[in-house]
């Protein structure tokens, strides 16, 4: 007599819905690969700063032999040589850059904030049309409008002047950037605050200066830092509007200090190091307000 062999019960499988493909998880990138990619990105940004700092304190022979090596025998001769140039390129360049940046930013901040306060309280369609028009100032490359700007300044008699350079900064894409930043902050201000000030008898100018500007202080710090860095690092406008004989900013001064047939790398790195001290100091002073401006949207 034979016993019947029974097969094990089949395991029930969940039926797929009709028309649906099985969901496949995206392959995960290993943690080591992401870490290596992050390190490479950091090195790409940090390496120019590292080379500038270490070579500013190295003798000429050490810079030529191994630029990436740390200063084994540090020296301050590069900085003293840059400061004691007979043409005073560093001192004049820093002075001219500070004047250009300060005057431009002092004009851009009140103009941008006042105009932003006006359009932030307008109807949605009118505000969208104005912002779309201002967006052209950000999308058009500055090199495209450089020659027309120089032609206009020449007709107005402002070519080769600092006033012409400052006005070109105010009329360029910098104002559009300031307006976009301020509008985003001012739209978050409750309308009841403005209406209460109007009931108390305050005019539009007083409301903007006494109420709105203190509330958008993080936006002001953000605009001031970005515009200061962009204007400080600008090369084409000072080179073509001021010209090489009118007076160099620090960026055009670096360009003119590069020799055609030979190069003093120690002096060049010394000038670049000293030229970068002022922007870093300005950022450290306004760092708190700048971070508050970047994180304002996440805390509302």
Protein backbone atom coordinates (compact mmCIF):
# COMPACT_ATOMS: atom_id res chain seq x y z
CA UNK A 1 0.00 0.00 0.00
CA UNK A 2 1.46 3.32 -1.12
CA UNK A 3 1.00 6.59 0.69
CA UNK A 4 0.08 9.61 -1.38
CA UNK A 5 2.69 12.32 -1.31
CA UNK A 6 1.22 15.75 -0.70
CA UNK A 7 2.96 18.83 -2.09
CA UNK A 8 3.52 21.80 0.22
CA UNK A 9 0.86 24.48 0.00
CA UNK A 10 1.67 27.27 -2.43
CA UNK A 11 2.56 30.59 -0.88
CA UNK A 12 0.04 33.22 -1.84
CA UNK A 13 1.58 36.15 -3.74
CA UNK A 14 -0.06 39.55 -3.78
CA UNK A 15 -1.59 40.17 -7.14
CA UNK A 16 -0.42 43.23 -8.99
CA UNK A 17 -3.05 45.74 -9.90
CA UNK A 18 -3.96 45.75 -13.53
CA UNK A 19 -1.90 48.19 -15.55
CA UNK A 20 0.64 48.89 -12.82
CA UNK A 21 4.28 48.07 -13.02
CA UNK A 22 6.12 46.90 -9.93
CA UNK A 23 7.70 49.78 -8.02
CA UNK A 24 11.47 49.67 -8.11
CA UNK A 25 13.53 51.59 -5.69
CA UNK A 26 16.17 53.88 -7.13
CA UNK A 27 19.67 52.61 -6.52
CA UNK A 28 21.21 54.26 -3.54
CA UNK A 29 24.54 55.97 -3.88
CA UNK A 30 26.97 54.53 -1.37
CA UNK A 31 27.94 56.81 1.47
CA UNK A 32 31.62 56.65 0.52
CA UNK A 33 30.93 57.86 -3.02
CA UNK A 34 28.88 60.77 -1.75
CA UNK A 35 31.59 61.69 0.71
CA UNK A 36 34.24 61.65 -2.02
CA UNK A 37 32.05 63.80 -4.28
CA UNK A 38 31.48 66.31 -1.48
CA UNK A 39 35.22 66.49 -0.76
CA UNK A 40 36.00 67.12 -4.43
CA UNK A 41 33.45 69.93 -4.61
CA UNK A 42 34.84 71.52 -1.45
CA UNK A 43 38.39 71.29 -2.79
CA UNK A 44 37.34 72.95 -6.05
CA UNK A 45 36.08 75.99 -4.10
CA UNK A 46 38.74 76.09 -1.39
CA UNK A 47 41.86 75.48 -3.49
CA UNK A 48 42.10 79.06 -4.94
CA UNK A 49 41.77 80.52 -1.44
CA UNK A 50 44.36 78.10 -0.10
CA UNK A 51 46.85 78.91 -2.87
CA UNK A 52 46.41 82.64 -2.30
CA UNK A 53 46.92 82.42 1.45
CA UNK A 54 49.92 80.08 1.49
CA UNK A 55 51.74 81.75 -1.40
CA UNK A 56 51.28 85.22 0.09
CA UNK A 57 53.72 84.20 2.85
CA UNK A 58 56.25 82.25 0.77
CA UNK A 59 59.42 83.46 -0.98
CA UNK A 60 59.45 83.64 -4.75
CA UNK A 61 61.60 80.54 -5.18
CA UNK A 62 59.26 78.43 -3.02
CA UNK A 63 56.22 79.60 -5.01
CA UNK A 64 57.81 78.61 -8.31
CA UNK A 65 59.12 75.26 -7.05
CA UNK A 66 55.93 74.06 -5.28
CA UNK A 67 52.90 76.40 -5.22
CA UNK A 68 50.71 74.01 -3.22
CA UNK A 69 53.17 73.44 -0.38
CA UNK A 70 52.60 75.27 2.92
CA UNK A 71 55.02 78.07 3.79
CA UNK A 72 57.95 76.30 5.44
CA UNK A 73 59.84 79.58 5.85
CA UNK A 74 57.04 82.17 6.12
CA UNK A 75 57.83 85.74 5.27
CA UNK A 76 56.03 89.09 5.17
CA UNK A 77 58.14 90.47 2.34
CA UNK A 78 55.39 89.91 -0.23
CA UNK A 79 52.94 92.02 1.74
CA UNK A 80 55.48 94.76 2.43
CA UNK A 81 56.51 94.84 -1.24
CA UNK A 82 52.89 95.14 -2.33
CA UNK A 83 52.32 98.00 0.10
CA UNK A 84 55.53 99.84 -0.85
CA UNK A 85 55.03 99.93 -4.63
CA UNK A 86 56.01 103.36 -6.01
CA UNK A 87 52.76 103.64 -7.97
CA UNK A 88 50.68 102.91 -4.82
CA UNK A 89 48.60 100.46 -6.86
CA UNK A 90 47.22 98.62 -3.84
CA UNK A 91 46.31 101.70 -1.81
CA UNK A 92 44.69 103.52 -4.73
CA UNK A 93 42.92 100.39 -5.94
CA UNK A 94 41.45 99.66 -2.52
CA UNK A 95 40.40 103.29 -2.09
CA UNK A 96 38.72 103.44 -5.49
CA UNK A 97 36.96 100.10 -4.95
CA UNK A 98 35.69 101.14 -1.52
CA UNK A 99 34.36 104.45 -2.90
CA UNK A 100 32.63 102.68 -5.81
CA UNK A 101 31.10 99.96 -3.64
CA UNK A 102 29.91 102.24 -0.84
CA UNK A 103 28.37 104.86 -3.14
CA UNK A 104 26.71 102.24 -5.35
CA UNK A 105 25.25 100.27 -2.44
CA UNK A 106 24.08 103.43 -0.66
CA UNK A 107 22.10 104.31 -3.77
CA UNK A 108 20.88 100.80 -4.59
CA UNK A 109 19.48 99.95 -1.16
CA UNK A 110 17.09 102.94 -0.74
CA UNK A 111 16.06 102.92 -4.40
CA UNK A 112 15.48 99.17 -4.44
CA UNK A 113 13.64 99.06 -1.11
CA UNK A 114 11.42 102.07 -1.84
CA UNK A 115 10.45 100.76 -5.27
CA UNK A 116 9.85 97.31 -3.81
CA UNK A 117 7.56 98.77 -1.14
CA UNK A 118 5.57 100.48 -3.87
CA UNK A 119 5.09 97.45 -6.11
CA UNK A 120 4.57 95.00 -3.23
CA UNK A 121 1.32 96.83 -2.39
CA UNK A 122 0.07 96.92 -5.99
CA UNK A 123 -2.32 94.55 -7.68
CA UNK A 124 -1.09 91.11 -8.62
CA UNK A 125 -1.11 91.69 -12.39
CA UNK A 126 0.70 95.01 -12.20
CA UNK A 127 3.28 93.58 -9.80
CA UNK A 128 3.86 90.57 -12.05
CA UNK A 129 4.32 92.80 -15.10
CA UNK A 130 6.88 95.01 -13.32
CA UNK A 131 8.80 92.02 -11.98
CA UNK A 132 8.84 90.44 -15.43
CA UNK A 133 10.29 93.66 -16.83
CA UNK A 134 12.94 93.79 -14.10
CA UNK A 135 13.80 90.14 -14.73
CA UNK A 136 15.30 91.23 -18.04
CA UNK A 137 17.98 93.04 -16.06
CA UNK A 138 19.03 89.70 -14.58
CA UNK A 139 18.73 87.61 -17.73
CA UNK A 140 20.62 89.91 -20.11
CA UNK A 141 24.41 89.46 -19.76
CA UNK A 142 26.21 92.64 -18.66
CA UNK A 143 28.63 92.33 -21.59
CA UNK A 144 25.74 92.84 -24.03
CA UNK A 145 24.81 96.26 -22.66
CA UNK A 146 28.34 97.44 -21.88
CA UNK A 147 28.94 99.30 -25.15
CA UNK A 148 25.50 101.03 -25.15
CA UNK A 149 26.12 102.06 -21.54
CA UNK A 150 29.50 103.57 -22.44
CA UNK A 151 27.89 105.40 -25.39
CA UNK A 152 25.21 106.90 -23.14
CA UNK A 153 27.80 107.95 -20.55
CA UNK A 154 29.89 109.55 -23.31
CA UNK A 155 26.90 111.57 -24.53
CA UNK A 156 26.22 112.69 -20.96
CA UNK A 157 29.87 113.59 -20.38
CA UNK A 158 30.26 111.00 -17.61
CA UNK A 159 32.70 108.62 -19.30
CA UNK A 160 36.02 108.10 -17.46
CA UNK A 161 34.42 109.31 -14.21
CA UNK A 162 33.54 107.57 -10.97
CA UNK A 163 30.04 109.06 -11.15
CA UNK A 164 29.51 107.32 -14.48
CA UNK A 165 30.73 104.01 -13.04
CA UNK A 166 28.42 104.34 -10.01
CA UNK A 167 25.40 105.22 -12.19
CA UNK A 168 26.11 102.26 -14.45
CA UNK A 169 26.02 100.01 -11.38
CA UNK A 170 22.72 101.51 -10.23
CA UNK A 171 21.11 101.16 -13.66
CA UNK A 172 22.24 97.59 -14.29
CA UNK A 173 21.04 94.24 -13.05
CA UNK A 174 22.02 95.08 -9.46
CA UNK A 175 18.81 97.07 -8.97
CA UNK A 176 16.73 94.18 -10.30
CA UNK A 177 18.33 91.81 -7.80
CA UNK A 178 17.66 94.20 -4.92
CA UNK A 179 14.01 94.58 -5.94
CA UNK A 180 13.46 90.82 -6.17
CA UNK A 181 14.91 90.25 -2.70
CA UNK A 182 13.00 93.11 -1.06
CA UNK A 183 9.66 92.22 -2.68
CA UNK A 184 9.83 88.70 -1.28
CA UNK A 185 10.30 90.05 2.24
CA UNK A 186 7.82 92.92 2.02
CA UNK A 187 4.99 90.74 0.74
CA UNK A 188 5.22 88.81 4.02
CA UNK A 189 4.58 91.98 6.08
CA UNK A 190 0.92 92.07 7.15
CA UNK A 191 -1.17 94.74 5.51
CA UNK A 192 -2.65 95.64 8.90
CA UNK A 193 0.66 97.18 9.99
CA UNK A 194 0.69 99.57 7.03
CA UNK A 195 -3.00 100.40 7.43
CA UNK A 196 -2.57 101.16 11.14
CA UNK A 197 0.28 103.55 10.34
CA UNK A 198 -1.85 105.30 7.71
CA UNK A 199 -4.69 105.71 10.22
CA UNK A 200 -2.22 107.32 12.63
CA UNK A 201 -1.43 109.87 9.94
CA UNK A 202 1.91 108.56 8.66
CA UNK A 203 2.70 109.15 5.01
CA UNK A 204 4.14 106.65 2.57
CA UNK A 205 7.71 107.88 2.96
CA UNK A 206 7.54 107.75 6.74
CA UNK A 207 5.98 104.26 6.71
CA UNK A 208 8.73 103.00 4.42
CA UNK A 209 11.56 104.45 6.49
CA UNK A 210 10.26 104.07 10.06
CA UNK A 211 8.31 100.80 9.81
CA UNK A 212 9.22 98.80 6.72
CA UNK A 213 13.00 99.24 6.67
CA UNK A 214 13.52 98.00 10.28
CA UNK A 215 11.37 94.95 9.52
CA UNK A 216 13.38 94.00 6.41
CA UNK A 217 16.79 94.45 7.99
CA UNK A 218 17.86 90.86 7.12
CA UNK A 219 16.96 91.56 3.48
CA UNK A 220 19.03 94.74 3.58
CA UNK A 221 22.03 92.81 4.90
CA UNK A 222 21.59 90.15 2.20
CA UNK A 223 21.35 92.74 -0.57
CA UNK A 224 24.30 94.73 0.79
CA UNK A 225 26.58 91.69 1.00
CA UNK A 226 25.77 90.31 -2.44
CA UNK A 227 25.92 93.67 -4.22
CA UNK A 228 29.12 94.67 -2.45
CA UNK A 229 30.85 91.45 -3.50
CA UNK A 230 29.62 91.70 -7.10
CA UNK A 231 30.64 95.34 -7.48
CA UNK A 232 33.96 94.74 -5.71
CA UNK A 233 34.81 91.85 -8.06
CA UNK A 234 33.58 93.64 -11.20
CA UNK A 235 36.25 93.89 -13.86
CA UNK A 236 34.71 94.97 -17.17
CA UNK A 237 32.88 98.10 -16.04
CA UNK A 238 35.87 99.71 -14.26
CA UNK A 239 38.21 98.72 -17.10
CA UNK A 240 36.11 100.22 -19.91
CA UNK A 241 34.25 103.02 -18.13
CA UNK A 242 37.10 104.41 -16.03
CA UNK A 243 39.92 103.43 -18.36
CA UNK A 244 43.47 102.50 -17.32
CA UNK A 245 44.58 106.12 -16.81
CA UNK A 246 41.64 107.48 -14.81
CA UNK A 247 42.17 105.29 -11.76
CA UNK A 248 42.08 101.58 -11.18
CA UNK A 249 39.90 99.61 -8.86
CA UNK A 250 41.53 96.66 -7.16
CA UNK A 251 40.47 94.19 -9.87
CA UNK A 252 41.83 96.26 -12.76
CA UNK A 253 44.91 97.02 -10.66
CA UNK A 254 45.60 93.28 -10.38
CA UNK A 255 45.25 92.99 -14.13
CA UNK A 256 47.67 95.84 -14.75
CA UNK A 257 50.19 94.43 -12.26
CA UNK A 258 50.62 91.29 -14.36
CA UNK A 259 53.80 91.69 -16.38
CA UNK A 260 53.94 90.88 -20.06
CA UNK A 261 57.32 89.13 -20.08
CA UNK A 262 58.00 88.30 -16.43
CA UNK A 263 55.94 87.86 -13.30
CA UNK A 264 56.64 88.56 -9.65
CA UNK A 265 54.41 85.91 -8.14
CA UNK A 266 55.18 86.83 -4.55
CA UNK A 267 54.07 90.42 -5.02
CA UNK A 268 50.99 89.33 -6.99
CA UNK A 269 49.86 86.91 -4.28
CA UNK A 270 50.52 89.59 -1.66
CA UNK A 271 48.24 92.02 -3.50
CA UNK A 272 45.52 89.38 -3.90
CA UNK A 273 45.70 88.48 -0.21
CA UNK A 274 45.37 92.09 0.93
CA UNK A 275 42.61 92.72 -1.61
CA UNK A 276 40.56 89.89 -0.14
CA UNK A 277 40.80 91.06 3.47
CA UNK A 278 38.20 93.84 3.15
CA UNK A 279 35.38 91.68 1.66
CA UNK A 280 35.95 88.98 4.26
CA UNK A 281 35.90 91.54 7.08
CA UNK A 282 32.68 93.05 5.72
CA UNK A 283 31.04 89.65 5.55
CA UNK A 284 32.04 88.79 9.11
CA UNK A 285 30.56 92.07 10.35
CA UNK A 286 27.18 91.41 8.65
CA UNK A 287 27.19 87.63 9.00
CA UNK A 288 24.44 87.49 11.62
CA UNK A 289 21.98 89.53 9.57
CA UNK A 290 22.95 87.68 6.39
CA UNK A 291 22.18 84.26 7.91
CA UNK A 292 18.92 85.63 9.32
CA UNK A 293 17.95 86.76 5.84
CA UNK A 294 18.68 83.37 4.32
CA UNK A 295 16.72 81.47 6.98
CA UNK A 296 13.79 83.91 7.28
CA UNK A 297 11.59 81.89 4.94
CA UNK A 298 12.01 78.66 6.90
CA UNK A 299 10.94 80.17 10.24
CA UNK A 300 7.64 81.73 9.13
